[in-house]
Amino acid sequence: MEHQVRFDAPENHTLPLEILELQRLIDDCPAPHRAILSAASRNIIKCHRRRLHILNLFQDALSDLRHQIRHLQFDIEATRRERDTFRTILYGDSEQDPASG
């Protein structure tokens, strides 16, 4: 089954402009502040990529669920058609079977 991925994989994903701007600003800071802010920036990037990965997993699962629902709908319609055919064979053209009264 082929999955449609709406976003790039996290390791290939381009960071949002806001994070890129933040990194540029951090690079312009003095060295002592840059070290502290760089660590925080790396944590933000890790969180962003983790959320993107979770979003991709969720979208894949949702796509699979939709696909399975379509199959179940097809199966139930086929079962209803078979039921109606066998009713017609057993009881004739009557809509009501003898057991239901």
N, C-alpha and C. Protein backbone atom coordinates (compact mmCIF):
# COMPACT_ATOMS: atom_id res chain seq x y z
N MET A 1 0.85 -1.17 0.00
CA MET A 1 0.00 0.00 0.00
C MET A 1 0.89 1.23 0.00
N GLU A 2 0.56 2.18 -0.81
CA GLU A 2 1.37 3.39 -0.94
C GLU A 2 0.81 4.48 -0.04
N HIS A 3 1.69 5.13 0.72
CA HIS A 3 1.28 6.20 1.62
C HIS A 3 1.61 7.55 1.00
N GLN A 4 0.71 8.48 1.16
CA GLN A 4 0.95 9.84 0.71
C GLN A 4 1.47 10.63 1.90
N VAL A 5 2.73 11.04 1.84
CA VAL A 5 3.32 11.81 2.91
C VAL A 5 3.20 13.28 2.55
N ARG A 6 2.62 14.05 3.46
CA ARG A 6 2.35 15.46 3.16
C ARG A 6 3.54 16.35 3.46
N PHE A 7 4.47 15.86 4.26
CA PHE A 7 5.63 16.65 4.63
C PHE A 7 6.87 15.84 4.33
N ASP A 8 7.99 16.51 4.17
CA ASP A 8 9.26 15.81 4.02
C ASP A 8 9.57 15.05 5.29
N ALA A 9 10.41 14.05 5.16
CA ALA A 9 10.86 13.34 6.35
C ALA A 9 11.59 14.31 7.26
N PRO A 10 11.50 14.13 8.59
CA PRO A 10 12.07 15.11 9.51
C PRO A 10 13.54 15.42 9.26
N GLU A 11 14.34 14.42 8.91
CA GLU A 11 15.77 14.71 8.72
C GLU A 11 16.02 15.53 7.46
N ASN A 12 15.09 15.53 6.52
CA ASN A 12 15.25 16.30 5.29
C ASN A 12 14.43 17.59 5.30
N HIS A 13 13.68 17.78 6.34
CA HIS A 13 12.74 18.89 6.39
C HIS A 13 13.46 20.22 6.61
N THR A 14 13.08 21.20 5.83
CA THR A 14 13.61 22.54 6.00
C THR A 14 12.95 23.16 7.23
N LEU A 15 13.74 23.82 8.01
CA LEU A 15 13.21 24.43 9.24
C LEU A 15 12.36 25.64 8.90
N PRO A 16 11.38 25.94 9.76
CA PRO A 16 10.56 27.15 9.55
C PRO A 16 11.44 28.41 9.55
N LEU A 17 10.98 29.41 8.87
CA LEU A 17 11.74 30.66 8.76
C LEU A 17 12.02 31.28 10.13
N GLU A 18 11.07 31.15 11.05
CA GLU A 18 11.26 31.72 12.39
C GLU A 18 12.45 31.08 13.10
N ILE A 19 12.59 29.77 12.96
CA ILE A 19 13.72 29.08 13.61
C ILE A 19 15.03 29.46 12.92
N LEU A 20 15.01 29.56 11.60
CA LEU A 20 16.22 29.99 10.89
C LEU A 20 16.62 31.40 11.30
N GLU A 21 15.63 32.27 11.46
CA GLU A 21 15.91 33.64 11.91
C GLU A 21 16.48 33.64 13.32
N LEU A 22 15.92 32.80 14.19
CA LEU A 22 16.43 32.68 15.55
C LEU A 22 17.88 32.21 15.54
N GLN A 23 18.19 31.24 14.70
CA GLN A 23 19.56 30.76 14.62
C GLN A 23 20.51 31.87 14.13
N ARG A 24 20.07 32.66 13.18
CA ARG A 24 20.88 33.77 12.68
C ARG A 24 21.15 34.78 13.80
N LEU A 25 20.11 35.09 14.58
CA LEU A 25 20.27 36.02 15.69
C LEU A 25 21.22 35.46 16.76
N ILE A 26 21.10 34.16 17.03
CA ILE A 26 21.98 33.52 18.01
C ILE A 26 23.44 33.58 17.53
N ASP A 27 23.64 33.36 16.23
CA ASP A 27 25.00 33.41 15.68
C ASP A 27 25.62 34.79 15.84
N ASP A 28 24.80 35.82 15.90
CA ASP A 28 25.30 37.19 16.04
C ASP A 28 25.55 37.59 17.50
N CYS A 29 25.17 36.73 18.44
CA CYS A 29 25.34 37.04 19.87
C CYS A 29 26.80 36.84 20.30
N PRO A 30 27.18 37.47 21.40
CA PRO A 30 28.52 37.22 21.96
C PRO A 30 28.66 35.74 22.37
N ALA A 31 29.87 35.26 22.37
CA ALA A 31 30.16 33.83 22.59
C ALA A 31 29.52 33.23 23.84
N PRO A 32 29.58 33.86 25.02
CA PRO A 32 28.99 33.21 26.20
C PRO A 32 27.48 33.01 26.06
N HIS A 33 26.81 34.01 25.51
CA HIS A 33 25.35 33.89 25.32
C HIS A 33 25.03 32.92 24.20
N ARG A 34 25.88 32.91 23.18
CA ARG A 34 25.64 32.05 22.02
C ARG A 34 25.62 30.58 22.42
N ALA A 35 26.51 30.18 23.32
CA ALA A 35 26.56 28.77 23.75
C ALA A 35 25.26 28.36 24.43
N ILE A 36 24.76 29.22 25.32
CA ILE A 36 23.51 28.91 26.04
C ILE A 36 22.32 28.89 25.08
N LEU A 37 22.24 29.91 24.24
CA LEU A 37 21.11 30.01 23.32
C LEU A 37 21.16 28.94 22.23
N SER A 38 22.36 28.52 21.83
CA SER A 38 22.48 27.46 20.83
C SER A 38 21.93 26.15 21.35
N ALA A 39 22.18 25.86 22.60
CA ALA A 39 21.64 24.63 23.21
C ALA A 39 20.12 24.67 23.22
N ALA A 40 19.57 25.82 23.58
CA ALA A 40 18.11 25.96 23.58
C ALA A 40 17.56 25.83 22.17
N SER A 41 18.27 26.41 21.21
CA SER A 41 17.84 26.34 19.81
C SER A 41 17.85 24.89 19.31
N ARG A 42 18.88 24.13 19.69
CA ARG A 42 18.94 22.72 19.28
C ARG A 42 17.77 21.94 19.86
N ASN A 43 17.40 22.25 21.10
CA ASN A 43 16.24 21.58 21.71
C ASN A 43 14.95 21.92 20.97
N ILE A 44 14.81 23.16 20.57
CA ILE A 44 13.63 23.58 19.80
C ILE A 44 13.57 22.82 18.48
N ILE A 45 14.71 22.69 17.82
CA ILE A 45 14.76 21.99 16.53
C ILE A 45 14.42 20.51 16.72
N LYS A 46 14.96 19.89 17.79
CA LYS A 46 14.63 18.49 18.06
C LYS A 46 13.13 18.31 18.29
N CYS A 47 12.54 19.21 19.07
CA CYS A 47 11.09 19.14 19.34
C CYS A 47 10.30 19.32 18.05
N HIS A 48 10.72 20.25 17.22
CA HIS A 48 10.04 20.50 15.95
C HIS A 48 10.07 19.24 15.08
N ARG A 49 11.23 18.62 14.97
CA ARG A 49 11.37 17.42 14.14
C ARG A 49 10.59 16.24 14.72
N ARG A 50 10.58 16.12 16.05
CA ARG A 50 9.83 15.05 16.68
C ARG A 50 8.33 15.23 16.42
N ARG A 51 7.85 16.47 16.54
CA ARG A 51 6.42 16.73 16.27
C ARG A 51 6.08 16.46 14.80
N LEU A 52 6.98 16.82 13.92
CA LEU A 52 6.76 16.56 12.50
C LEU A 52 6.69 15.06 12.22
N HIS A 53 7.57 14.31 12.88
CA HIS A 53 7.56 12.86 12.72
C HIS A 53 6.24 12.27 13.25
N ILE A 54 5.80 12.73 14.40
CA ILE A 54 4.53 12.26 14.97
C ILE A 54 3.38 12.62 14.04
N LEU A 55 3.40 13.81 13.47
CA LEU A 55 2.36 14.23 12.54
C LEU A 55 2.33 13.31 11.32
N ASN A 56 3.50 12.96 10.79
CA ASN A 56 3.56 12.04 9.65
C ASN A 56 3.00 10.67 10.02
N LEU A 57 3.35 10.18 11.21
CA LEU A 57 2.81 8.88 11.65
C LEU A 57 1.29 8.94 11.77
N PHE A 58 0.80 10.03 12.34
CA PHE A 58 -0.65 10.19 12.50
C PHE A 58 -1.34 10.24 11.14
N GLN A 59 -0.77 11.00 10.19
CA GLN A 59 -1.37 11.10 8.87
C GLN A 59 -1.37 9.75 8.15
N ASP A 60 -0.30 8.98 8.30
CA ASP A 60 -0.26 7.65 7.70
C ASP A 60 -1.32 6.75 8.32
N ALA A 61 -1.44 6.80 9.63
CA ALA A 61 -2.45 5.97 10.31
C ALA A 61 -3.86 6.38 9.89
N LEU A 62 -4.09 7.67 9.77
CA LEU A 62 -5.40 8.16 9.34
C LEU A 62 -5.70 7.72 7.91
N SER A 63 -4.71 7.78 7.06
CA SER A 63 -4.87 7.33 5.67
C SER A 63 -5.21 5.84 5.63
N ASP A 64 -4.50 5.05 6.43
CA ASP A 64 -4.80 3.61 6.50
C ASP A 64 -6.21 3.37 7.01
N LEU A 65 -6.62 4.11 8.02
CA LEU A 65 -7.96 3.96 8.57
C LEU A 65 -9.02 4.27 7.52
N ARG A 66 -8.83 5.36 6.77
CA ARG A 66 -9.78 5.70 5.71
C ARG A 66 -9.86 4.59 4.67
N HIS A 67 -8.70 4.05 4.32
CA HIS A 67 -8.65 2.97 3.33
C HIS A 67 -9.41 1.75 3.86
N GLN A 68 -9.18 1.38 5.11
CA GLN A 68 -9.87 0.24 5.70
C GLN A 68 -11.37 0.48 5.79
N ILE A 69 -11.79 1.69 6.09
CA ILE A 69 -13.22 2.00 6.15
C ILE A 69 -13.86 1.83 4.78
N ARG A 70 -13.17 2.28 3.73
CA ARG A 70 -13.71 2.09 2.37
C ARG A 70 -13.89 0.61 2.06
N HIS A 71 -12.91 -0.22 2.47
CA HIS A 71 -13.04 -1.66 2.25
C HIS A 71 -14.20 -2.24 3.05
N LEU A 72 -14.35 -1.80 4.29
CA LEU A 72 -15.46 -2.30 5.10
C LEU A 72 -16.81 -1.89 4.52
N GLN A 73 -16.91 -0.66 4.01
CA GLN A 73 -18.15 -0.22 3.39
C GLN A 73 -18.47 -1.06 2.15
N PHE A 74 -17.44 -1.35 1.36
CA PHE A 74 -17.64 -2.20 0.19
C PHE A 74 -18.11 -3.59 0.62
N ASP A 75 -17.45 -4.16 1.65
CA ASP A 75 -17.82 -5.49 2.13
C ASP A 75 -19.25 -5.53 2.65
N ILE A 76 -19.65 -4.53 3.39
CA ILE A 76 -21.02 -4.55 3.94
C ILE A 76 -22.06 -4.41 2.83
N GLU A 77 -21.77 -3.60 1.83
CA GLU A 77 -22.70 -3.48 0.71
C GLU A 77 -22.79 -4.80 -0.06
N ALA A 78 -21.67 -5.45 -0.27
CA ALA A 78 -21.68 -6.75 -0.96
C ALA A 78 -22.46 -7.78 -0.14
N THR A 79 -22.27 -7.76 1.17
CA THR A 79 -22.99 -8.70 2.04
C THR A 79 -24.49 -8.43 2.00
N ARG A 80 -24.88 -7.17 1.98
CA ARG A 80 -26.31 -6.84 1.88
C ARG A 80 -26.90 -7.30 0.56
N ARG A 81 -26.14 -7.09 -0.53
CA ARG A 81 -26.64 -7.55 -1.83
C ARG A 81 -26.79 -9.07 -1.85
N GLU A 82 -25.82 -9.78 -1.29
CA GLU A 82 -25.90 -11.25 -1.22
C GLU A 82 -27.10 -11.68 -0.38
N ARG A 83 -27.30 -11.00 0.75
CA ARG A 83 -28.44 -11.32 1.61
C ARG A 83 -29.74 -11.15 0.85
N ASP A 84 -29.87 -10.02 0.15
CA ASP A 84 -31.10 -9.75 -0.60
C ASP A 84 -31.30 -10.77 -1.71
N THR A 85 -30.23 -11.18 -2.36
CA THR A 85 -30.33 -12.19 -3.42
C THR A 85 -30.80 -13.51 -2.85
N PHE A 86 -30.21 -13.94 -1.73
CA PHE A 86 -30.61 -15.20 -1.13
C PHE A 86 -32.03 -15.14 -0.58
N ARG A 87 -32.44 -14.01 -0.07
CA ARG A 87 -33.83 -13.86 0.38
C ARG A 87 -34.79 -14.05 -0.79
N THR A 88 -34.43 -13.43 -1.91
CA THR A 88 -35.27 -13.56 -3.09
C THR A 88 -35.34 -15.01 -3.55
N ILE A 89 -34.20 -15.71 -3.52
CA ILE A 89 -34.18 -17.11 -3.92
C ILE A 89 -35.01 -17.96 -2.96
N LEU A 90 -34.88 -17.71 -1.66
CA LEU A 90 -35.58 -18.52 -0.66
C LEU A 90 -37.07 -18.21 -0.57
N TYR A 91 -37.41 -16.93 -0.61
CA TYR A 91 -38.79 -16.55 -0.32
C TYR A 91 -39.52 -15.94 -1.50
N GLY A 92 -38.90 -15.92 -2.64
CA GLY A 92 -39.54 -15.33 -3.80
C GLY A 92 -39.35 -13.82 -3.82
N ASP A 93 -40.22 -13.15 -4.52
CA ASP A 93 -40.12 -11.70 -4.67
C ASP A 93 -40.63 -10.93 -3.46
N SER A 94 -41.14 -11.62 -2.48
CA SER A 94 -41.67 -10.97 -1.27
C SER A 94 -40.55 -10.27 -0.52
N GLU A 95 -40.83 -9.06 -0.07
CA GLU A 95 -39.85 -8.27 0.70
C GLU A 95 -39.70 -8.81 2.11
N GLN A 96 -40.72 -9.50 2.61
CA GLN A 96 -40.74 -9.93 4.00
C GLN A 96 -40.52 -11.43 4.07
N ASP A 97 -39.62 -11.87 4.93
CA ASP A 97 -39.43 -13.31 5.07
C ASP A 97 -40.44 -13.86 6.07
N PRO A 98 -40.79 -15.12 5.93
CA PRO A 98 -41.84 -15.71 6.79
C PRO A 98 -41.50 -15.68 8.27
N ALA A 99 -40.24 -15.71 8.64
CA ALA A 99 -39.87 -15.73 10.06
C ALA A 99 -40.19 -14.41 10.76
N SER A 100 -40.20 -13.30 10.01
CA SER A 100 -40.44 -12.03 10.65
C SER A 100 -41.93 -11.71 10.75
N GLY A 101 -42.73 -12.58 10.22
CA GLY A 101 -44.12 -12.49 10.51
C GLY A 101 -45.06 -11.94 9.60
